[in-house]
Amino acid sequence: MLDFIKIDLIDIIDIFLVGLLIYQIYKLIRGTAALNIFIAIIVIYFIWLIVKALHMELLGAIMGQVIGVGVIALIVLFQQEIRRFLLMIGTRYMNSQRKLKLANMLFGVKGRSVSLNLLEEVTL
């Protein structure tokens, strides 16, 4: 009946990895202002898709330019969350001492050091 849909093992792995990535991003930005900003960006993107589907040329072009510049704005807005996400991935297999050195290098302020509790909060 559904001969045109062919699902292989690689498709299942792909769906699982995308779901895992979305969950990790949600877990990272949960409880922050970044979640509200992210939802607003998704809403703007869907509005742009609707405008494109309705063939509204002028509004579609304007929103397309906003979305094009928005990629750079996303990097600036989510800089701290991106840094935490990359730190979480990069330090998953390090021991506590190396994690502490890396966290002090990235987040430490002159004269202050990052505690292990804060580090565990950032990398969990």
PDB file of N, CA and C in Angstrom:
ATOM      1  N   MET A   1       0.811  -1.191   0.000  1.00  0.00           N
ATOM      2  CA  MET A   1       0.000   0.000   0.000  1.00  0.00           C
ATOM      3  C   MET A   1       0.860   1.263   0.000  1.00  0.00           C
ATOM      4  N   LEU A   2       1.859   1.324   0.864  1.00  0.00           N
ATOM      5  CA  LEU A   2       2.745   2.485   0.917  1.00  0.00           C
ATOM      6  C   LEU A   2       4.104   2.121   0.340  1.00  0.00           C
ATOM      7  N   ASP A   3       4.110   1.653  -0.885  1.00  0.00           N
ATOM      8  CA  ASP A   3       5.355   1.226  -1.509  1.00  0.00           C
ATOM      9  C   ASP A   3       6.288   2.392  -1.798  1.00  0.00           C
ATOM     10  N   PHE A   4       5.747   3.594  -1.938  1.00  0.00           N
ATOM     11  CA  PHE A   4       6.594   4.740  -2.246  1.00  0.00           C
ATOM     12  C   PHE A   4       7.359   5.232  -1.021  1.00  0.00           C
ATOM     13  N   ILE A   5       6.941   4.840   0.175  1.00  0.00           N
ATOM     14  CA  ILE A   5       7.653   5.214   1.393  1.00  0.00           C
ATOM     15  C   ILE A   5       8.562   4.059   1.780  1.00  0.00           C
ATOM     16  N   LYS A   6       9.841   4.313   1.706  1.00  0.00           N
ATOM     17  CA  LYS A   6      10.809   3.281   2.043  1.00  0.00           C
ATOM     18  C   LYS A   6      11.641   3.789   3.218  1.00  0.00           C
ATOM     19  N   ILE A   7      11.535   3.123   4.346  1.00  0.00           N
ATOM     20  CA  ILE A   7      12.248   3.543   5.548  1.00  0.00           C
ATOM     21  C   ILE A   7      13.363   2.549   5.819  1.00  0.00           C
ATOM     22  N   ASP A   8      14.577   3.069   5.848  1.00  0.00           N
ATOM     23  CA  ASP A   8      15.744   2.247   6.140  1.00  0.00           C
ATOM     24  C   ASP A   8      16.206   2.527   7.564  1.00  0.00           C
ATOM     25  N   LEU A   9      17.183   1.767   8.001  1.00  0.00           N
ATOM     26  CA  LEU A   9      17.760   1.965   9.330  1.00  0.00           C
ATOM     27  C   LEU A   9      18.395   3.349   9.445  1.00  0.00           C
ATOM     28  N   ILE A  10      19.022   3.814   8.381  1.00  0.00           N
ATOM     29  CA  ILE A  10      19.680   5.124   8.411  1.00  0.00           C
ATOM     30  C   ILE A  10      18.650   6.241   8.605  1.00  0.00           C
ATOM     31  N   ASP A  11      17.427   6.066   8.076  1.00  0.00           N
ATOM     32  CA  ASP A  11      16.369   7.058   8.272  1.00  0.00           C
ATOM     33  C   ASP A  11      15.944   7.128   9.736  1.00  0.00           C
ATOM     34  N   ILE A  12      15.844   5.975  10.369  1.00  0.00           N
ATOM     35  CA  ILE A  12      15.473   5.927  11.785  1.00  0.00           C
ATOM     36  C   ILE A  12      16.560   6.574  12.637  1.00  0.00           C
ATOM     37  N   ILE A  13      17.823   6.294  12.322  1.00  0.00           N
ATOM     38  CA  ILE A  13      18.942   6.908  13.046  1.00  0.00           C
ATOM     39  C   ILE A  13      18.932   8.419  12.846  1.00  0.00           C
ATOM     40  N   ASP A  14      18.650   8.859  11.619  1.00  0.00           N
ATOM     41  CA  ASP A  14      18.594  10.283  11.303  1.00  0.00           C
ATOM     42  C   ASP A  14      17.509  10.979  12.127  1.00  0.00           C
ATOM     43  N   ILE A  15      16.324  10.402  12.177  1.00  0.00           N
ATOM     44  CA  ILE A  15      15.222  10.983  12.946  1.00  0.00           C
ATOM     45  C   ILE A  15      15.568  11.023  14.431  1.00  0.00           C
ATOM     46  N   PHE A  16      16.173   9.960  14.936  1.00  0.00           N
ATOM     47  CA  PHE A  16      16.569   9.913  16.341  1.00  0.00           C
ATOM     48  C   PHE A  16      17.585  11.004  16.668  1.00  0.00           C
ATOM     49  N   LEU A  17      18.588  11.186  15.803  1.00  0.00           N
ATOM     50  CA  LEU A  17      19.619  12.195  16.063  1.00  0.00           C
ATOM     51  C   LEU A  17      19.053  13.611  16.002  1.00  0.00           C
ATOM     52  N   VAL A  18      18.156  13.868  15.065  1.00  0.00           N
ATOM     53  CA  VAL A  18      17.531  15.193  14.984  1.00  0.00           C
ATOM     54  C   VAL A  18      16.692  15.453  16.234  1.00  0.00           C
ATOM     55  N   GLY A  19      15.945  14.452  16.675  1.00  0.00           N
ATOM     56  CA  GLY A  19      15.158  14.595  17.901  1.00  0.00           C
ATOM     57  C   GLY A  19      16.034  14.847  19.113  1.00  0.00           C
ATOM     58  N   LEU A  20      17.150  14.133  19.196  1.00  0.00           N
ATOM     59  CA  LEU A  20      18.088  14.319  20.298  1.00  0.00           C
ATOM     60  C   LEU A  20      18.690  15.721  20.277  1.00  0.00           C
ATOM     61  N   LEU A  21      19.035  16.210  19.096  1.00  0.00           N
ATOM     62  CA  LEU A  21      19.588  17.556  18.969  1.00  0.00           C
ATOM     63  C   LEU A  21      18.564  18.610  19.389  1.00  0.00           C
ATOM     64  N   ILE A  22      17.329  18.458  18.950  1.00  0.00           N
ATOM     65  CA  ILE A  22      16.280  19.411  19.326  1.00  0.00           C
ATOM     66  C   ILE A  22      16.048  19.379  20.832  1.00  0.00           C
ATOM     67  N   TYR A  23      16.061  18.189  21.425  1.00  0.00           N
ATOM     68  CA  TYR A  23      15.879  18.074  22.873  1.00  0.00           C
ATOM     69  C   TYR A  23      17.020  18.755  23.625  1.00  0.00           C
ATOM     70  N   GLN A  24      18.258  18.558  23.173  1.00  0.00           N
ATOM     71  CA  GLN A  24      19.403  19.182  23.841  1.00  0.00           C
ATOM     72  C   GLN A  24      19.332  20.704  23.738  1.00  0.00           C
ATOM     73  N   ILE A  25      18.926  21.213  22.590  1.00  0.00           N
ATOM     74  CA  ILE A  25      18.796  22.661  22.428  1.00  0.00           C
ATOM     75  C   ILE A  25      17.695  23.192  23.346  1.00  0.00           C
ATOM     76  N   TYR A  26      16.574  22.476  23.406  1.00  0.00           N
ATOM     77  CA  TYR A  26      15.490  22.896  24.303  1.00  0.00           C
ATOM     78  C   TYR A  26      15.947  22.883  25.756  1.00  0.00           C
ATOM     79  N   LYS A  27      16.646  21.829  26.150  1.00  0.00           N
ATOM     80  CA  LYS A  27      17.127  21.720  27.525  1.00  0.00           C
ATOM     81  C   LYS A  27      18.096  22.854  27.850  1.00  0.00           C
ATOM     82  N   LEU A  28      18.868  23.266  26.865  1.00  0.00           N
ATOM     83  CA  LEU A  28      19.850  24.323  27.064  1.00  0.00           C
ATOM     84  C   LEU A  28      19.189  25.688  27.246  1.00  0.00           C
ATOM     85  N   ILE A  29      18.133  25.974  26.487  1.00  0.00           N
ATOM     86  CA  ILE A  29      17.534  27.309  26.546  1.00  0.00           C
ATOM     87  C   ILE A  29      16.281  27.362  27.406  1.00  0.00           C
ATOM     88  N   ARG A  30      15.880  26.255  28.007  1.00  0.00           N
ATOM     89  CA  ARG A  30      14.696  26.216  28.866  1.00  0.00           C
ATOM     90  C   ARG A  30      14.900  27.141  30.072  1.00  0.00           C
ATOM     91  N   GLY A  31      13.899  27.943  30.371  1.00  0.00           N
ATOM     92  CA  GLY A  31      13.962  28.820  31.535  1.00  0.00           C
ATOM     93  C   GLY A  31      14.730  30.106  31.300  1.00  0.00           C
ATOM     94  N   THR A  32      15.117  30.385  30.073  1.00  0.00           N
ATOM     95  CA  THR A  32      15.842  31.616  29.774  1.00  0.00           C
ATOM     96  C   THR A  32      15.016  32.470  28.818  1.00  0.00           C
ATOM     97  N   ALA A  33      15.452  33.695  28.637  1.00  0.00           N
ATOM     98  CA  ALA A  33      14.793  34.572  27.669  1.00  0.00           C
ATOM     99  C   ALA A  33      15.023  34.077  26.250  1.00  0.00           C
ATOM    100  N   ALA A  34      16.048  33.268  26.064  1.00  0.00           N
ATOM    101  CA  ALA A  34      16.355  32.745  24.736  1.00  0.00           C
ATOM    102  C   ALA A  34      15.216  31.889  24.200  1.00  0.00           C
ATOM    103  N   LEU A  35      14.471  31.230  25.066  1.00  0.00           N
ATOM    104  CA  LEU A  35      13.350  30.402  24.615  1.00  0.00           C
ATOM    105  C   LEU A  35      12.275  31.269  23.969  1.00  0.00           C
ATOM    106  N   ASN A  36      11.951  32.396  24.584  1.00  0.00           N
ATOM    107  CA  ASN A  36      10.953  33.303  24.005  1.00  0.00           C
ATOM    108  C   ASN A  36      11.436  33.885  22.683  1.00  0.00           C
ATOM    109  N   ILE A  37      12.709  34.230  22.609  1.00  0.00           N
ATOM    110  CA  ILE A  37      13.273  34.754  21.366  1.00  0.00           C
ATOM    111  C   ILE A  37      13.222  33.688  20.283  1.00  0.00           C
ATOM    112  N   PHE A  38      13.560  32.458  20.632  1.00  0.00           N
ATOM    113  CA  PHE A  38      13.550  31.354  19.675  1.00  0.00           C
ATOM    114  C   PHE A  38      12.134  31.105  19.145  1.00  0.00           C
ATOM    115  N   ILE A  39      11.145  31.140  20.022  1.00  0.00           N
ATOM    116  CA  ILE A  39       9.757  30.950  19.596  1.00  0.00           C
ATOM    117  C   ILE A  39       9.327  32.080  18.663  1.00  0.00           C
ATOM    118  N   ALA A  40       9.714  33.314  18.975  1.00  0.00           N
ATOM    119  CA  ALA A  40       9.384  34.447  18.111  1.00  0.00           C
ATOM    120  C   ALA A  40      10.014  34.287  16.733  1.00  0.00           C
ATOM    121  N   ILE A  41      11.233  33.787  16.677  1.00  0.00           N
ATOM    122  CA  ILE A  41      11.908  33.578  15.392  1.00  0.00           C
ATOM    123  C   ILE A  41      11.192  32.508  14.582  1.00  0.00           C
ATOM    124  N   ILE A  42      10.755  31.437  15.236  1.00  0.00           N
ATOM    125  CA  ILE A  42      10.011  30.380  14.550  1.00  0.00           C
ATOM    126  C   ILE A  42       8.695  30.930  13.992  1.00  0.00           C
ATOM    127  N   VAL A  43       8.002  31.764  14.767  1.00  0.00           N
ATOM    128  CA  VAL A  43       6.746  32.363  14.308  1.00  0.00           C
ATOM    129  C   VAL A  43       6.994  33.248  13.090  1.00  0.00           C
ATOM    130  N   ILE A  44       8.036  34.068  13.134  1.00  0.00           N
ATOM    131  CA  ILE A  44       8.369  34.930  11.992  1.00  0.00           C
ATOM    132  C   ILE A  44       8.688  34.092  10.765  1.00  0.00           C
ATOM    133  N   TYR A  45       9.395  32.992  10.942  1.00  0.00           N
ATOM    134  CA  TYR A  45       9.727  32.112   9.818  1.00  0.00           C
ATOM    135  C   TYR A  45       8.463  31.514   9.200  1.00  0.00           C
ATOM    136  N   PHE A  46       7.520  31.056  10.033  1.00  0.00           N
ATOM    137  CA  PHE A  46       6.286  30.487   9.494  1.00  0.00           C
ATOM    138  C   PHE A  46       5.431  31.547   8.804  1.00  0.00           C
ATOM    139  N   ILE A  47       5.428  32.760   9.326  1.00  0.00           N
ATOM    140  CA  ILE A  47       4.720  33.848   8.649  1.00  0.00           C
ATOM    141  C   ILE A  47       5.340  34.093   7.284  1.00  0.00           C
ATOM    142  N   TRP A  48       6.664  34.052   7.202  1.00  0.00           N
ATOM    143  CA  TRP A  48       7.353  34.232   5.923  1.00  0.00           C
ATOM    144  C   TRP A  48       6.969  33.126   4.946  1.00  0.00           C
ATOM    145  N   LEU A  49       6.861  31.884   5.435  1.00  0.00           N
ATOM    146  CA  LEU A  49       6.448  30.783   4.560  1.00  0.00           C
ATOM    147  C   LEU A  49       5.028  30.992   4.035  1.00  0.00           C
ATOM    148  N   ILE A  50       4.139  31.484   4.894  1.00  0.00           N
ATOM    149  CA  ILE A  50       2.764  31.752   4.463  1.00  0.00           C
ATOM    150  C   ILE A  50       2.734  32.870   3.431  1.00  0.00           C
ATOM    151  N   VAL A  51       3.510  33.926   3.665  1.00  0.00           N
ATOM    152  CA  VAL A  51       3.584  35.044   2.724  1.00  0.00           C
ATOM    153  C   VAL A  51       4.106  34.564   1.374  1.00  0.00           C
ATOM    154  N   LYS A  52       5.122  33.698   1.387  1.00  0.00           N
ATOM    155  CA  LYS A  52       5.662  33.156   0.131  1.00  0.00           C
ATOM    156  C   LYS A  52       4.624  32.281  -0.573  1.00  0.00           C
ATOM    157  N   ALA A  53       3.868  31.491   0.189  1.00  0.00           N
ATOM    158  CA  ALA A  53       2.856  30.615  -0.408  1.00  0.00           C
ATOM    159  C   ALA A  53       1.718  31.421  -1.032  1.00  0.00           C
ATOM    160  N   LEU A  54       1.410  32.584  -0.470  1.00  0.00           N
ATOM    161  CA  LEU A  54       0.352  33.440  -1.001  1.00  0.00           C
ATOM    162  C   LEU A  54       0.861  34.372  -2.097  1.00  0.00           C
ATOM    163  N   HIS A  55       2.114  34.255  -2.458  1.00  0.00           N
ATOM    164  CA  HIS A  55       2.753  35.038  -3.533  1.00  0.00           C
ATOM    165  C   HIS A  55       2.672  36.542  -3.293  1.00  0.00           C
ATOM    166  N   MET A  56       2.895  36.962  -2.068  1.00  0.00           N
ATOM    167  CA  MET A  56       2.980  38.381  -1.741  1.00  0.00           C
ATOM    168  C   MET A  56       4.432  38.792  -1.944  1.00  0.00           C
ATOM    169  N   GLU A  57       4.723  39.320  -3.111  1.00  0.00           N
ATOM    170  CA  GLU A  57       6.105  39.548  -3.529  1.00  0.00           C
ATOM    171  C   GLU A  57       6.847  40.559  -2.659  1.00  0.00           C
ATOM    172  N   LEU A  58       6.266  41.722  -2.427  1.00  0.00           N
ATOM    173  CA  LEU A  58       6.965  42.769  -1.686  1.00  0.00           C
ATOM    174  C   LEU A  58       7.206  42.355  -0.235  1.00  0.00           C
ATOM    175  N   LEU A  59       6.167  41.909   0.442  1.00  0.00           N
ATOM    176  CA  LEU A  59       6.312  41.486   1.833  1.00  0.00           C
ATOM    177  C   LEU A  59       7.233  40.274   1.940  1.00  0.00           C
ATOM    178  N   GLY A  60       7.143  39.369   0.964  1.00  0.00           N
ATOM    179  CA  GLY A  60       8.027  38.201   0.947  1.00  0.00           C
ATOM    180  C   GLY A  60       9.486  38.594   0.784  1.00  0.00           C
ATOM    181  N   ALA A  61       9.758  39.582  -0.072  1.00  0.00           N
ATOM    182  CA  ALA A  61      11.135  40.038  -0.270  1.00  0.00           C
ATOM    183  C   ALA A  61      11.672  40.718   0.988  1.00  0.00           C
ATOM    184  N   ILE A  62      10.838  41.532   1.622  1.00  0.00           N
ATOM    185  CA  ILE A  62      11.267  42.212   2.849  1.00  0.00           C
ATOM    186  C   ILE A  62      11.553  41.198   3.948  1.00  0.00           C
ATOM    187  N   MET A  63      10.637  40.257   4.141  1.00  0.00           N
ATOM    188  CA  MET A  63      10.840  39.251   5.184  1.00  0.00           C
ATOM    189  C   MET A  63      12.011  38.334   4.847  1.00  0.00           C
ATOM    190  N   GLY A  64      12.233  38.070   3.563  1.00  0.00           N
ATOM    191  CA  GLY A  64      13.384  37.269   3.158  1.00  0.00           C
ATOM    192  C   GLY A  64      14.692  37.942   3.535  1.00  0.00           C
ATOM    193  N   GLN A  65      14.757  39.268   3.363  1.00  0.00           N
ATOM    194  CA  GLN A  65      15.954  40.004   3.756  1.00  0.00           C
ATOM    195  C   GLN A  65      16.133  39.996   5.271  1.00  0.00           C
ATOM    196  N   VAL A  66      15.035  40.137   5.997  1.00  0.00           N
ATOM    197  CA  VAL A  66      15.105  40.104   7.461  1.00  0.00           C
ATOM    198  C   VAL A  66      15.605  38.743   7.927  1.00  0.00           C
ATOM    199  N   ILE A  67      15.103  37.683   7.321  1.00  0.00           N
ATOM    200  CA  ILE A  67      15.533  36.338   7.701  1.00  0.00           C
ATOM    201  C   ILE A  67      16.990  36.116   7.312  1.00  0.00           C
ATOM    202  N   GLY A  68      17.415  36.662   6.175  1.00  0.00           N
ATOM    203  CA  GLY A  68      18.815  36.538   5.770  1.00  0.00           C
ATOM    204  C   GLY A  68      19.764  37.195   6.762  1.00  0.00           C
ATOM    205  N   VAL A  69      19.403  38.374   7.239  1.00  0.00           N
ATOM    206  CA  VAL A  69      20.211  39.061   8.239  1.00  0.00           C
ATOM    207  C   VAL A  69      20.016  38.407   9.604  1.00  0.00           C
ATOM    208  N   GLY A  70      18.871  37.782   9.787  1.00  0.00           N
ATOM    209  CA  GLY A  70      18.547  37.151  11.054  1.00  0.00           C
ATOM    210  C   GLY A  70      19.490  36.043  11.455  1.00  0.00           C
ATOM    211  N   VAL A  71      20.124  35.393  10.489  1.00  0.00           N
ATOM    212  CA  VAL A  71      21.077  34.329  10.815  1.00  0.00           C
ATOM    213  C   VAL A  71      22.240  34.899  11.617  1.00  0.00           C
ATOM    214  N   ILE A  72      22.738  36.037  11.194  1.00  0.00           N
ATOM    215  CA  ILE A  72      23.828  36.685  11.929  1.00  0.00           C
ATOM    216  C   ILE A  72      23.318  37.170  13.285  1.00  0.00           C
ATOM    217  N   ALA A  73      22.103  37.700  13.301  1.00  0.00           N
ATOM    218  CA  ALA A  73      21.519  38.154  14.568  1.00  0.00           C
ATOM    219  C   ALA A  73      21.341  36.986  15.534  1.00  0.00           C
ATOM    220  N   LEU A  74      20.989  35.819  15.015  1.00  0.00           N
ATOM    221  CA  LEU A  74      20.851  34.633  15.871  1.00  0.00           C
ATOM    222  C   LEU A  74      22.158  34.289  16.555  1.00  0.00           C
ATOM    223  N   ILE A  75      23.234  34.347  15.808  1.00  0.00           N
ATOM    224  CA  ILE A  75      24.539  34.027  16.387  1.00  0.00           C
ATOM    225  C   ILE A  75      24.877  35.019  17.490  1.00  0.00           C
ATOM    226  N   VAL A  76      24.582  36.288  17.267  1.00  0.00           N
ATOM    227  CA  VAL A  76      24.865  37.299  18.283  1.00  0.00           C
ATOM    228  C   VAL A  76      23.950  37.117  19.497  1.00  0.00           C
ATOM    229  N   LEU A  77      22.655  36.915  19.257  1.00  0.00           N
ATOM    230  CA  LEU A  77      21.702  36.775  20.363  1.00  0.00           C
ATOM    231  C   LEU A  77      21.949  35.528  21.205  1.00  0.00           C
ATOM    232  N   PHE A  78      22.289  34.427  20.547  1.00  0.00           N
ATOM    233  CA  PHE A  78      22.450  33.160  21.250  1.00  0.00           C
ATOM    234  C   PHE A  78      23.915  32.814  21.497  1.00  0.00           C
ATOM    235  N   GLN A  79      24.783  33.798  21.542  1.00  0.00           N
ATOM    236  CA  GLN A  79      26.209  33.536  21.718  1.00  0.00           C
ATOM    237  C   GLN A  79      26.484  32.749  22.995  1.00  0.00           C
ATOM    238  N   GLN A  80      25.891  33.164  24.094  1.00  0.00           N
ATOM    239  CA  GLN A  80      26.143  32.492  25.370  1.00  0.00           C
ATOM    240  C   GLN A  80      25.618  31.059  25.348  1.00  0.00           C
ATOM    241  N   GLU A  81      24.427  30.850  24.775  1.00  0.00           N
ATOM    242  CA  GLU A  81      23.867  29.504  24.713  1.00  0.00           C
ATOM    243  C   GLU A  81      24.679  28.616  23.781  1.00  0.00           C
ATOM    244  N   ILE A  82      25.159  29.168  22.668  1.00  0.00           N
ATOM    245  CA  ILE A  82      26.003  28.397  21.748  1.00  0.00           C
ATOM    246  C   ILE A  82      27.294  28.001  22.447  1.00  0.00           C
ATOM    247  N   ARG A  83      27.869  28.931  23.197  1.00  0.00           N
ATOM    248  CA  ARG A  83      29.100  28.629  23.931  1.00  0.00           C
ATOM    249  C   ARG A  83      28.868  27.524  24.956  1.00  0.00           C
ATOM    250  N   ARG A  84      27.759  27.617  25.703  1.00  0.00           N
ATOM    251  CA  ARG A  84      27.449  26.575  26.688  1.00  0.00           C
ATOM    252  C   ARG A  84      27.214  25.226  26.021  1.00  0.00           C
ATOM    253  N   PHE A  85      26.522  25.220  24.876  1.00  0.00           N
ATOM    254  CA  PHE A  85      26.251  23.973  24.158  1.00  0.00           C
ATOM    255  C   PHE A  85      27.548  23.332  23.683  1.00  0.00           C
ATOM    256  N   LEU A  86      28.436  24.128  23.098  1.00  0.00           N
ATOM    257  CA  LEU A  86      29.715  23.590  22.626  1.00  0.00           C
ATOM    258  C   LEU A  86      30.582  23.131  23.791  1.00  0.00           C
ATOM    259  N   LEU A  87      30.534  23.863  24.898  1.00  0.00           N
ATOM    260  CA  LEU A  87      31.274  23.443  26.089  1.00  0.00           C
ATOM    261  C   LEU A  87      30.730  22.129  26.624  1.00  0.00           C
ATOM    262  N   MET A  88      29.401  21.989  26.609  1.00  0.00           N
ATOM    263  CA  MET A  88      28.780  20.752  27.078  1.00  0.00           C
ATOM    264  C   MET A  88      29.221  19.565  26.219  1.00  0.00           C
ATOM    265  N   ILE A  89      29.256  19.750  24.913  1.00  0.00           N
ATOM    266  CA  ILE A  89      29.681  18.666  24.022  1.00  0.00           C
ATOM    267  C   ILE A  89      31.162  18.378  24.198  1.00  0.00           C
ATOM    268  N   GLY A  90      31.969  19.416  24.280  1.00  0.00           N
ATOM    269  CA  GLY A  90      33.416  19.242  24.334  1.00  0.00           C
ATOM    270  C   GLY A  90      33.949  18.702  25.638  1.00  0.00           C
ATOM    271  N   THR A  91      33.216  18.902  26.734  1.00  0.00           N
ATOM    272  CA  THR A  91      33.735  18.479  28.034  1.00  0.00           C
ATOM    273  C   THR A  91      33.048  17.239  28.581  1.00  0.00           C
ATOM    274  N   ARG A  92      32.224  16.618  27.801  1.00  0.00           N
ATOM    275  CA  ARG A  92      31.484  15.450  28.289  1.00  0.00           C
ATOM    276  C   ARG A  92      32.408  14.330  28.741  1.00  0.00           C
ATOM    277  N   TYR A  93      33.536  14.154  28.078  1.00  0.00           N
ATOM    278  CA  TYR A  93      34.423  13.033  28.384  1.00  0.00           C
ATOM    279  C   TYR A  93      35.712  13.462  29.077  1.00  0.00           C
ATOM    280  N   MET A  94      35.736  14.676  29.620  1.00  0.00           N
ATOM    281  CA  MET A  94      36.911  15.146  30.352  1.00  0.00           C
ATOM    282  C   MET A  94      36.748  14.858  31.838  1.00  0.00           C
ATOM    283  N   ASN A  95      37.882  14.777  32.540  1.00  0.00           N
ATOM    284  CA  ASN A  95      37.797  14.634  33.991  1.00  0.00           C
ATOM    285  C   ASN A  95      37.528  16.003  34.618  1.00  0.00           C
ATOM    286  N   SER A  96      37.216  16.032  35.906  1.00  0.00           N
ATOM    287  CA  SER A  96      36.790  17.266  36.575  1.00  0.00           C
ATOM    288  C   SER A  96      37.861  18.346  36.564  1.00  0.00           C
ATOM    289  N   GLN A  97      39.110  17.965  36.725  1.00  0.00           N
ATOM    290  CA  GLN A  97      40.191  18.950  36.776  1.00  0.00           C
ATOM    291  C   GLN A  97      40.336  19.665  35.431  1.00  0.00           C
ATOM    292  N   ARG A  98      40.287  18.912  34.339  1.00  0.00           N
ATOM    293  CA  ARG A  98      40.408  19.535  33.016  1.00  0.00           C
ATOM    294  C   ARG A  98      39.189  20.388  32.708  1.00  0.00           C
ATOM    295  N   LYS A  99      37.997  19.944  33.145  1.00  0.00           N
ATOM    296  CA  LYS A  99      36.791  20.742  32.954  1.00  0.00           C
ATOM    297  C   LYS A  99      36.912  22.076  33.687  1.00  0.00           C
ATOM    298  N   LEU A 100      37.429  22.035  34.908  1.00  0.00           N
ATOM    299  CA  LEU A 100      37.560  23.244  35.711  1.00  0.00           C
ATOM    300  C   LEU A 100      38.534  24.226  35.068  1.00  0.00           C
ATOM    301  N   LYS A 101      39.649  23.728  34.546  1.00  0.00           N
ATOM    302  CA  LYS A 101      40.609  24.607  33.861  1.00  0.00           C
ATOM    303  C   LYS A 101      39.974  25.255  32.640  1.00  0.00           C
ATOM    304  N   LEU A 102      39.254  24.457  31.855  1.00  0.00           N
ATOM    305  CA  LEU A 102      38.620  24.985  30.654  1.00  0.00           C
ATOM    306  C   LEU A 102      37.549  26.017  31.003  1.00  0.00           C
ATOM    307  N   ALA A 103      36.745  25.737  32.018  1.00  0.00           N
ATOM    308  CA  ALA A 103      35.701  26.681  32.419  1.00  0.00           C
ATOM    309  C   ALA A 103      36.296  27.981  32.937  1.00  0.00           C
ATOM    310  N   ASN A 104      37.382  27.897  33.708  1.00  0.00           N
ATOM    311  CA  ASN A 104      38.032  29.117  34.190  1.00  0.00           C
ATOM    312  C   ASN A 104      38.604  29.922  33.037  1.00  0.00           C
ATOM    313  N   MET A 105      39.110  29.225  32.027  1.00  0.00           N
ATOM    314  CA  MET A 105      39.656  29.922  30.873  1.00  0.00           C
ATOM    315  C   MET A 105      38.538  30.628  30.099  1.00  0.00           C
ATOM    316  N   LEU A 106      37.376  29.971  29.942  1.00  0.00           N
ATOM    317  CA  LEU A 106      36.299  30.541  29.145  1.00  0.00           C
ATOM    318  C   LEU A 106      35.432  31.529  29.918  1.00  0.00           C
ATOM    319  N   PHE A 107      35.085  31.187  31.164  1.00  0.00           N
ATOM    320  CA  PHE A 107      34.126  31.985  31.910  1.00  0.00           C
ATOM    321  C   PHE A 107      34.729  32.754  33.074  1.00  0.00           C
ATOM    322  N   GLY A 108      35.929  32.411  33.478  1.00  0.00           N
ATOM    323  CA  GLY A 108      36.531  33.031  34.649  1.00  0.00           C
ATOM    324  C   GLY A 108      36.823  34.498  34.423  1.00  0.00           C
ATOM    325  N   VAL A 109      36.649  35.254  35.459  1.00  0.00           N
ATOM    326  CA  VAL A 109      36.965  36.676  35.432  1.00  0.00           C
ATOM    327  C   VAL A 109      38.250  36.840  36.219  1.00  0.00           C
ATOM    328  N   LYS A 110      39.056  37.818  35.878  1.00  0.00           N
ATOM    329  CA  LYS A 110      40.325  38.019  36.575  1.00  0.00           C
ATOM    330  C   LYS A 110      40.096  38.067  38.080  1.00  0.00           C
ATOM    331  N   GLY A 111      40.837  37.253  38.798  1.00  0.00           N
ATOM    332  CA  GLY A 111      40.728  37.234  40.241  1.00  0.00           C
ATOM    333  C   GLY A 111      39.655  36.307  40.778  1.00  0.00           C
ATOM    334  N   ARG A 112      38.813  35.751  39.903  1.00  0.00           N
ATOM    335  CA  ARG A 112      37.759  34.831  40.339  1.00  0.00           C
ATOM    336  C   ARG A 112      37.886  33.533  39.572  1.00  0.00           C
ATOM    337  N   SER A 113      37.394  32.481  40.158  1.00  0.00           N
ATOM    338  CA  SER A 113      37.404  31.205  39.452  1.00  0.00           C
ATOM    339  C   SER A 113      36.009  30.602  39.474  1.00  0.00           C
ATOM    340  N   VAL A 114      35.772  29.724  38.546  1.00  0.00           N
ATOM    341  CA  VAL A 114      34.483  29.059  38.428  1.00  0.00           C
ATOM    342  C   VAL A 114      34.483  27.845  39.339  1.00  0.00           C
ATOM    343  N   SER A 115      33.416  27.648  40.087  1.00  0.00           N
ATOM    344  CA  SER A 115      33.348  26.496  40.987  1.00  0.00           C
ATOM    345  C   SER A 115      32.924  25.253  40.219  1.00  0.00           C
ATOM    346  N   LEU A 116      33.199  24.094  40.801  1.00  0.00           N
ATOM    347  CA  LEU A 116      32.796  22.834  40.178  1.00  0.00           C
ATOM    348  C   LEU A 116      31.278  22.729  40.083  1.00  0.00           C
ATOM    349  N   ASN A 117      30.545  23.278  41.048  1.00  0.00           N
ATOM    350  CA  ASN A 117      29.081  23.229  40.995  1.00  0.00           C
ATOM    351  C   ASN A 117      28.553  23.986  39.786  1.00  0.00           C
ATOM    352  N   LEU A 118      29.101  25.173  39.542  1.00  0.00           N
ATOM    353  CA  LEU A 118      28.693  25.943  38.379  1.00  0.00           C
ATOM    354  C   LEU A 118      29.048  25.207  37.104  1.00  0.00           C
ATOM    355  N   LEU A 119      30.215  24.599  37.075  1.00  0.00           N
ATOM    356  CA  LEU A 119      30.644  23.857  35.895  1.00  0.00           C
ATOM    357  C   LEU A 119      29.707  22.688  35.613  1.00  0.00           C
ATOM    358  N   GLU A 120      29.314  21.966  36.645  1.00  0.00           N
ATOM    359  CA  GLU A 120      28.399  20.844  36.454  1.00  0.00           C
ATOM    360  C   GLU A 120      27.044  21.339  35.962  1.00  0.00           C
ATOM    361  N   GLU A 121      26.607  22.511  36.444  1.00  0.00           N
ATOM    362  CA  GLU A 121      25.342  23.076  35.993  1.00  0.00           C
ATOM    363  C   GLU A 121      25.408  23.433  34.515  1.00  0.00           C
ATOM    364  N   VAL A 122      26.527  23.969  34.074  1.00  0.00           N
ATOM    365  CA  VAL A 122      26.686  24.371  32.682  1.00  0.00           C
ATOM    366  C   VAL A 122      26.778  23.163  31.769  1.00  0.00           C
ATOM    367  N   THR A 123      27.448  22.113  32.197  1.00  0.00           N
ATOM    368  CA  THR A 123      27.709  20.994  31.300  1.00  0.00           C
ATOM    369  C   THR A 123      26.696  19.870  31.416  1.00  0.00           C
ATOM    370  N   LEU A 124      25.714  19.962  32.295  1.00  0.00           N
ATOM    371  CA  LEU A 124      24.700  18.903  32.390  1.00  0.00           C
ATOM    372  C   LEU A 124      23.538  19.172  31.499  1.00  0.00           C
TER     373      LEU A 124
END
